[in-house]
Structures are given as C-alpha cells and as structure tokens.
Amino acid sequence: MTGGMNDSLGRLYDQVIAAKTADPALSRTAKLMRSGRAKMAKKLAEEAIEVIIDAMNGETEAVVRESADLLYNLVVLWAAAGVRPQDVFAEMARRERLFGLAEKVPKKHVETSARRKVVLLEARRKSRRR
C-alpha cells in the first residue's frame, strides 16, 4: 500500500509539473497553476471542507471522491511551492522514527521559528477593502 500511494502521488506530481507549460485553455491544471497560490490554496481548502462535510454525513463514497480531489489540489500547491512528494514522505519517515507512525509532532517539538504567521488570501483582502 505505501509504495502504491507514493507511486500514485509521484506520478500525479510529475503530471502536474508537466502541465505547467501546457495550454491553460486545454488543461485545468495549467490554468490552476497560472492562477496563483492564493487560488490554489482556496481550491485546496474547498476540497478539505467537502471531505469534512461528507465524512460528517457518513457518505463514504463521497469522502473517497473528494479525498482524491483534495490530494490533487494538495499536489498542485506542492508543485507551486517547490515541494516534492519525496520531501513530504521523508518528513513523515522522520516523524515515524521519532514519535511513532500515527502521531502528529507535538507542538513543543516544533521550533518557534518554524511556526508561520497567518495570512489572508488575496480574495479575502479585496473583499475587506470596501
């Protein structure tokens, strides 16, 4: 299973990278890549919310479909941010060695400099300026 997931995300990542130079009129990925990180982040957040709603409603098949969309949008944002799937998998392996497989890194183990400021997405900034 692990190799399959790594392989699937790796192949998806490669396709997303290849689509960067595609015609945005023909490629949804190319269009999204050119729309900027704020739009990409918005799409990722929308998909995450859809997964949450479907999970809360007990709609298993919808969770599966929306999760695939969520992973797609995550990989698009990774590509835009210069993050490769193997970078994420390496971090997951590091955490597994330190804290166990199914554990999130405790906040006390995160460097304060590694914490980030909350930023408003571009769309929110514009709507607040009225």
N, C-alpha and C. Protein backbone atom coordinates (compact mmCIF):
# COMPACT_ATOMS: atom_id res chain seq x y z
N MET A 1 0.83 -1.21 0.00
CA MET A 1 0.00 0.00 0.00
C MET A 1 0.86 1.25 0.00
N THR A 2 1.88 1.31 0.85
CA THR A 2 2.70 2.52 0.95
C THR A 2 3.35 2.85 -0.38
N GLY A 3 3.96 1.85 -1.02
CA GLY A 3 4.60 2.10 -2.30
C GLY A 3 3.61 2.61 -3.32
N GLY A 4 2.39 2.06 -3.31
CA GLY A 4 1.36 2.48 -4.25
C GLY A 4 0.99 3.93 -4.06
N MET A 5 0.83 4.34 -2.81
CA MET A 5 0.47 5.73 -2.53
C MET A 5 1.61 6.65 -2.97
N ASN A 6 2.83 6.30 -2.61
CA ASN A 6 3.98 7.10 -3.02
C ASN A 6 4.04 7.19 -4.54
N ASP A 7 3.83 6.04 -5.20
CA ASP A 7 3.89 6.00 -6.66
C ASP A 7 2.79 6.84 -7.28
N SER A 8 1.57 6.73 -6.75
CA SER A 8 0.44 7.49 -7.31
C SER A 8 0.67 8.98 -7.16
N LEU A 9 1.07 9.42 -5.98
CA LEU A 9 1.32 10.85 -5.78
C LEU A 9 2.52 11.31 -6.60
N GLY A 10 3.51 10.45 -6.73
CA GLY A 10 4.68 10.79 -7.55
C GLY A 10 4.29 10.97 -9.01
N ARG A 11 3.47 10.06 -9.53
CA ARG A 11 3.02 10.18 -10.92
C ARG A 11 2.15 11.42 -11.10
N LEU A 12 1.27 11.67 -10.15
CA LEU A 12 0.43 12.87 -10.20
C LEU A 12 1.30 14.12 -10.20
N TYR A 13 2.28 14.15 -9.32
CA TYR A 13 3.20 15.29 -9.24
C TYR A 13 3.90 15.51 -10.58
N ASP A 14 4.40 14.43 -11.18
CA ASP A 14 5.08 14.55 -12.47
C ASP A 14 4.14 15.13 -13.53
N GLN A 15 2.89 14.69 -13.52
CA GLN A 15 1.91 15.21 -14.49
C GLN A 15 1.60 16.69 -14.23
N VAL A 16 1.53 17.06 -12.96
CA VAL A 16 1.28 18.47 -12.61
C VAL A 16 2.45 19.33 -13.09
N ILE A 17 3.66 18.88 -12.85
CA ILE A 17 4.85 19.62 -13.30
C ILE A 17 4.83 19.75 -14.83
N ALA A 18 4.49 18.68 -15.52
CA ALA A 18 4.44 18.71 -16.98
C ALA A 18 3.36 19.67 -17.48
N ALA A 19 2.27 19.78 -16.73
CA ALA A 19 1.15 20.64 -17.15
C ALA A 19 1.46 22.13 -16.97
N LYS A 20 2.51 22.45 -16.23
CA LYS A 20 2.84 23.87 -16.02
C LYS A 20 2.98 24.61 -17.35
N THR A 21 3.50 23.93 -18.35
CA THR A 21 3.76 24.58 -19.64
C THR A 21 2.66 24.30 -20.66
N ALA A 22 1.61 23.60 -20.26
CA ALA A 22 0.51 23.29 -21.17
C ALA A 22 -0.37 24.51 -21.42
N ASP A 23 -1.21 24.40 -22.39
CA ASP A 23 -2.15 25.47 -22.73
C ASP A 23 -3.26 25.51 -21.68
N PRO A 24 -3.43 26.64 -20.97
CA PRO A 24 -4.46 26.72 -19.94
C PRO A 24 -5.88 26.58 -20.50
N ALA A 25 -6.06 26.79 -21.79
CA ALA A 25 -7.37 26.60 -22.39
C ALA A 25 -7.70 25.12 -22.51
N LEU A 26 -6.68 24.28 -22.51
CA LEU A 26 -6.87 22.84 -22.67
C LEU A 26 -6.62 22.04 -21.40
N SER A 27 -5.92 22.63 -20.44
CA SER A 27 -5.54 21.91 -19.23
C SER A 27 -6.01 22.65 -17.98
N ARG A 28 -6.85 21.98 -17.21
CA ARG A 28 -7.32 22.56 -15.95
C ARG A 28 -6.14 22.80 -15.00
N THR A 29 -5.20 21.88 -15.03
CA THR A 29 -4.02 22.01 -14.16
C THR A 29 -3.19 23.22 -14.56
N ALA A 30 -2.97 23.40 -15.86
CA ALA A 30 -2.20 24.57 -16.33
C ALA A 30 -2.90 25.86 -15.93
N LYS A 31 -4.21 25.88 -16.08
CA LYS A 31 -4.98 27.07 -15.71
C LYS A 31 -4.85 27.36 -14.22
N LEU A 32 -4.97 26.31 -13.40
CA LEU A 32 -4.85 26.47 -11.95
C LEU A 32 -3.44 26.92 -11.57
N MET A 33 -2.42 26.35 -12.21
CA MET A 33 -1.03 26.72 -11.90
C MET A 33 -0.77 28.20 -12.22
N ARG A 34 -1.43 28.72 -13.22
CA ARG A 34 -1.24 30.12 -13.60
C ARG A 34 -2.09 31.07 -12.78
N SER A 35 -3.04 30.55 -12.03
CA SER A 35 -3.96 31.41 -11.28
C SER A 35 -3.35 31.95 -9.98
N GLY A 36 -2.22 31.39 -9.56
CA GLY A 36 -1.53 31.87 -8.37
C GLY A 36 -1.82 31.01 -7.13
N ARG A 37 -0.94 31.15 -6.17
CA ARG A 37 -1.03 30.32 -4.96
C ARG A 37 -2.30 30.58 -4.15
N ALA A 38 -2.78 31.80 -4.14
CA ALA A 38 -3.99 32.08 -3.35
C ALA A 38 -5.17 31.28 -3.89
N LYS A 39 -5.31 31.22 -5.21
CA LYS A 39 -6.39 30.44 -5.82
C LYS A 39 -6.18 28.95 -5.55
N MET A 40 -4.93 28.50 -5.65
CA MET A 40 -4.64 27.09 -5.38
C MET A 40 -4.98 26.75 -3.93
N ALA A 41 -4.62 27.63 -3.02
CA ALA A 41 -4.91 27.40 -1.60
C ALA A 41 -6.42 27.38 -1.35
N LYS A 42 -7.14 28.25 -2.03
CA LYS A 42 -8.59 28.30 -1.89
C LYS A 42 -9.21 26.99 -2.36
N LYS A 43 -8.75 26.48 -3.50
CA LYS A 43 -9.27 25.21 -4.03
C LYS A 43 -8.97 24.07 -3.06
N LEU A 44 -7.77 24.06 -2.48
CA LEU A 44 -7.40 23.03 -1.51
C LEU A 44 -8.31 23.09 -0.29
N ALA A 45 -8.55 24.29 0.20
CA ALA A 45 -9.42 24.47 1.37
C ALA A 45 -10.85 24.03 1.07
N GLU A 46 -11.34 24.37 -0.12
CA GLU A 46 -12.69 23.96 -0.50
C GLU A 46 -12.83 22.44 -0.50
N GLU A 47 -11.82 21.77 -1.05
CA GLU A 47 -11.88 20.30 -1.11
C GLU A 47 -11.80 19.70 0.30
N ALA A 48 -10.98 20.28 1.16
CA ALA A 48 -10.88 19.79 2.54
C ALA A 48 -12.22 19.92 3.25
N ILE A 49 -12.90 21.02 3.03
CA ILE A 49 -14.21 21.24 3.65
C ILE A 49 -15.21 20.22 3.13
N GLU A 50 -15.16 19.95 1.82
CA GLU A 50 -16.07 18.95 1.25
C GLU A 50 -15.83 17.57 1.85
N VAL A 51 -14.57 17.21 2.06
CA VAL A 51 -14.26 15.92 2.69
C VAL A 51 -14.84 15.89 4.11
N ILE A 52 -14.67 16.95 4.84
CA ILE A 52 -15.18 17.03 6.21
C ILE A 52 -16.70 16.88 6.23
N ILE A 53 -17.38 17.62 5.38
CA ILE A 53 -18.84 17.57 5.34
C ILE A 53 -19.31 16.16 5.00
N ASP A 54 -18.72 15.56 3.98
CA ASP A 54 -19.13 14.21 3.58
C ASP A 54 -18.83 13.19 4.67
N ALA A 55 -17.70 13.34 5.35
CA ALA A 55 -17.37 12.42 6.44
C ALA A 55 -18.36 12.56 7.59
N MET A 56 -18.70 13.79 7.91
CA MET A 56 -19.66 14.03 9.00
C MET A 56 -21.04 13.49 8.65
N ASN A 57 -21.38 13.47 7.37
CA ASN A 57 -22.67 12.94 6.92
C ASN A 57 -22.63 11.44 6.66
N GLY A 58 -21.48 10.82 6.89
CA GLY A 58 -21.36 9.38 6.71
C GLY A 58 -21.41 8.93 5.26
N GLU A 59 -21.04 9.80 4.34
CA GLU A 59 -21.09 9.50 2.91
C GLU A 59 -19.71 9.01 2.44
N THR A 60 -19.46 7.73 2.66
CA THR A 60 -18.15 7.14 2.42
C THR A 60 -17.68 7.30 0.98
N GLU A 61 -18.52 7.01 0.02
CA GLU A 61 -18.10 7.12 -1.38
C GLU A 61 -17.76 8.56 -1.74
N ALA A 62 -18.52 9.51 -1.21
CA ALA A 62 -18.23 10.92 -1.46
C ALA A 62 -16.90 11.32 -0.82
N VAL A 63 -16.61 10.77 0.36
CA VAL A 63 -15.33 11.06 1.02
C VAL A 63 -14.18 10.58 0.14
N VAL A 64 -14.34 9.41 -0.46
CA VAL A 64 -13.29 8.87 -1.34
C VAL A 64 -13.09 9.80 -2.54
N ARG A 65 -14.18 10.17 -3.20
CA ARG A 65 -14.07 11.05 -4.38
C ARG A 65 -13.46 12.40 -4.02
N GLU A 66 -13.97 13.01 -2.95
CA GLU A 66 -13.47 14.33 -2.56
C GLU A 66 -12.03 14.26 -2.05
N SER A 67 -11.65 13.14 -1.45
CA SER A 67 -10.27 12.96 -1.00
C SER A 67 -9.32 12.93 -2.19
N ALA A 68 -9.74 12.31 -3.28
CA ALA A 68 -8.91 12.31 -4.49
C ALA A 68 -8.74 13.74 -5.00
N ASP A 69 -9.82 14.53 -4.98
CA ASP A 69 -9.73 15.95 -5.37
C ASP A 69 -8.82 16.72 -4.42
N LEU A 70 -8.92 16.42 -3.12
CA LEU A 70 -8.09 17.07 -2.12
C LEU A 70 -6.62 16.79 -2.38
N LEU A 71 -6.29 15.54 -2.64
CA LEU A 71 -4.89 15.18 -2.91
C LEU A 71 -4.39 15.85 -4.19
N TYR A 72 -5.22 15.89 -5.21
CA TYR A 72 -4.84 16.57 -6.46
C TYR A 72 -4.49 18.04 -6.17
N ASN A 73 -5.37 18.72 -5.47
CA ASN A 73 -5.12 20.14 -5.19
C ASN A 73 -3.93 20.34 -4.26
N LEU A 74 -3.70 19.41 -3.35
CA LEU A 74 -2.51 19.48 -2.50
C LEU A 74 -1.24 19.35 -3.34
N VAL A 75 -1.24 18.41 -4.27
CA VAL A 75 -0.06 18.22 -5.13
C VAL A 75 0.17 19.44 -6.01
N VAL A 76 -0.89 20.06 -6.50
CA VAL A 76 -0.74 21.29 -7.30
C VAL A 76 -0.08 22.38 -6.45
N LEU A 77 -0.53 22.52 -5.22
CA LEU A 77 0.06 23.54 -4.34
C LEU A 77 1.50 23.19 -3.98
N TRP A 78 1.77 21.90 -3.75
CA TRP A 78 3.16 21.47 -3.52
C TRP A 78 4.04 21.91 -4.69
N ALA A 79 3.59 21.62 -5.90
CA ALA A 79 4.38 21.94 -7.09
C ALA A 79 4.64 23.44 -7.17
N ALA A 80 3.64 24.24 -6.90
CA ALA A 80 3.80 25.69 -6.94
C ALA A 80 4.76 26.18 -5.86
N ALA A 81 4.79 25.48 -4.73
CA ALA A 81 5.64 25.89 -3.61
C ALA A 81 7.03 25.26 -3.68
N GLY A 82 7.29 24.46 -4.70
CA GLY A 82 8.60 23.82 -4.83
C GLY A 82 8.79 22.64 -3.89
N VAL A 83 7.70 22.03 -3.46
CA VAL A 83 7.75 20.88 -2.56
C VAL A 83 7.52 19.62 -3.40
N ARG A 84 8.36 18.62 -3.22
CA ARG A 84 8.21 17.35 -3.92
C ARG A 84 7.59 16.31 -2.99
N PRO A 85 6.85 15.36 -3.52
CA PRO A 85 6.27 14.32 -2.66
C PRO A 85 7.31 13.62 -1.80
N GLN A 86 8.48 13.36 -2.35
CA GLN A 86 9.52 12.67 -1.58
C GLN A 86 9.97 13.51 -0.37
N ASP A 87 9.87 14.84 -0.46
CA ASP A 87 10.19 15.70 0.68
C ASP A 87 9.20 15.45 1.81
N VAL A 88 7.92 15.36 1.45
CA VAL A 88 6.88 15.12 2.45
C VAL A 88 7.02 13.72 3.04
N PHE A 89 7.29 12.72 2.18
CA PHE A 89 7.44 11.35 2.67
C PHE A 89 8.67 11.22 3.58
N ALA A 90 9.72 11.97 3.28
CA ALA A 90 10.91 11.96 4.14
C ALA A 90 10.57 12.54 5.51
N GLU A 91 9.79 13.61 5.54
CA GLU A 91 9.37 14.20 6.82
C GLU A 91 8.49 13.23 7.60
N MET A 92 7.62 12.53 6.89
CA MET A 92 6.76 11.54 7.56
C MET A 92 7.61 10.41 8.15
N ALA A 93 8.62 9.97 7.42
CA ALA A 93 9.51 8.91 7.92
C ALA A 93 10.28 9.40 9.14
N ARG A 94 10.73 10.66 9.10
CA ARG A 94 11.45 11.22 10.26
C ARG A 94 10.55 11.24 11.48
N ARG A 95 9.30 11.67 11.31
CA ARG A 95 8.36 11.72 12.43
C ARG A 95 8.05 10.33 12.95
N GLU A 96 7.94 9.37 12.05
CA GLU A 96 7.67 7.99 12.48
C GLU A 96 8.81 7.49 13.37
N ARG A 97 10.04 7.78 12.97
CA ARG A 97 11.19 7.35 13.78
C ARG A 97 11.16 7.99 15.16
N LEU A 98 10.77 9.26 15.23
CA LEU A 98 10.79 9.99 16.49
C LEU A 98 9.56 9.76 17.37
N PHE A 99 8.38 9.70 16.76
CA PHE A 99 7.15 9.74 17.55
C PHE A 99 6.20 8.58 17.32
N GLY A 100 6.50 7.74 16.35
CA GLY A 100 5.60 6.64 16.04
C GLY A 100 4.80 6.94 14.79
N LEU A 101 4.24 5.93 14.24
CA LEU A 101 3.60 6.03 12.94
C LEU A 101 2.39 6.96 12.92
N ALA A 102 1.51 6.82 13.88
CA ALA A 102 0.24 7.54 13.82
C ALA A 102 0.19 8.74 14.74
N GLU A 103 1.31 9.42 14.89
CA GLU A 103 1.34 10.56 15.79
C GLU A 103 1.70 11.83 15.04
N LYS A 104 1.10 12.91 15.42
CA LYS A 104 1.42 14.24 14.91
C LYS A 104 2.55 14.78 15.80
N VAL A 105 3.40 15.60 15.24
CA VAL A 105 4.50 16.15 16.02
C VAL A 105 3.92 17.05 17.11
N PRO A 106 4.28 16.78 18.37
CA PRO A 106 3.80 17.65 19.46
C PRO A 106 4.30 19.08 19.27
N LYS A 107 3.47 20.06 19.61
CA LYS A 107 3.83 21.47 19.43
C LYS A 107 5.13 21.84 20.13
N LYS A 108 5.40 21.20 21.27
CA LYS A 108 6.63 21.54 22.00
C LYS A 108 7.89 21.15 21.23
N HIS A 109 7.74 20.28 20.20
CA HIS A 109 8.89 19.86 19.40
C HIS A 109 9.05 20.68 18.11
N VAL A 110 8.18 21.64 17.89
CA VAL A 110 8.25 22.49 16.69
C VAL A 110 9.00 23.75 17.07
N GLU A 111 10.03 24.08 16.27
CA GLU A 111 10.79 25.30 16.54
C GLU A 111 9.87 26.51 16.40
N THR A 112 10.06 27.48 17.25
CA THR A 112 9.23 28.68 17.17
C THR A 112 9.44 29.38 15.84
N SER A 113 10.64 29.35 15.32
CA SER A 113 10.90 29.99 14.03
C SER A 113 10.21 29.25 12.90
N ALA A 114 9.86 27.97 13.11
CA ALA A 114 9.19 27.20 12.07
C ALA A 114 7.70 27.51 12.02
N ARG A 115 7.17 28.12 13.05
CA ARG A 115 5.75 28.48 13.03
C ARG A 115 5.55 29.66 12.11
N ARG A 116 4.44 29.66 11.43
CA ARG A 116 4.22 30.70 10.45
C ARG A 116 3.11 31.64 10.85
N LYS A 117 3.17 32.82 10.27
CA LYS A 117 2.12 33.80 10.51
C LYS A 117 0.91 33.43 9.67
N VAL A 118 -0.26 33.76 10.15
CA VAL A 118 -1.48 33.56 9.39
C VAL A 118 -1.59 34.71 8.40
N VAL A 119 -1.87 34.39 7.15
CA VAL A 119 -2.01 35.42 6.13
C VAL A 119 -3.39 35.32 5.50
N LEU A 120 -3.92 36.44 5.11
CA LEU A 120 -5.20 36.45 4.41
C LEU A 120 -4.97 36.10 2.96
N LEU A 121 -5.88 35.31 2.40
CA LEU A 121 -5.81 35.03 0.98
C LEU A 121 -6.19 36.29 0.22
N GLU A 122 -5.68 36.42 -0.97
CA GLU A 122 -5.90 37.62 -1.78
C GLU A 122 -7.38 37.95 -1.94
N ALA A 123 -8.22 36.95 -2.15
CA ALA A 123 -9.64 37.19 -2.33
C ALA A 123 -10.25 37.83 -1.08
N ARG A 124 -9.83 37.41 0.10
CA ARG A 124 -10.35 37.98 1.34
C ARG A 124 -9.89 39.42 1.50
N ARG A 125 -8.67 39.70 1.14
CA ARG A 125 -8.16 41.06 1.28
C ARG A 125 -8.99 42.03 0.45
N LYS A 126 -9.31 41.66 -0.77
CA LYS A 126 -10.06 42.54 -1.66
C LYS A 126 -11.46 42.79 -1.12
N SER A 127 -12.10 41.74 -0.60
CA SER A 127 -13.47 41.92 -0.14
C SER A 127 -13.55 42.75 1.14
N ARG A 128 -12.50 42.83 1.89
CA ARG A 128 -12.48 43.61 3.13
C ARG A 128 -12.19 45.08 2.90
N ARG A 129 -11.70 45.45 1.74
CA ARG A 129 -11.29 46.83 1.47
C ARG A 129 -12.46 47.73 1.14
N ARG A 130 -13.64 47.25 1.03
CA ARG A 130 -14.81 48.06 0.64
C ARG A 130 -15.07 49.19 1.57
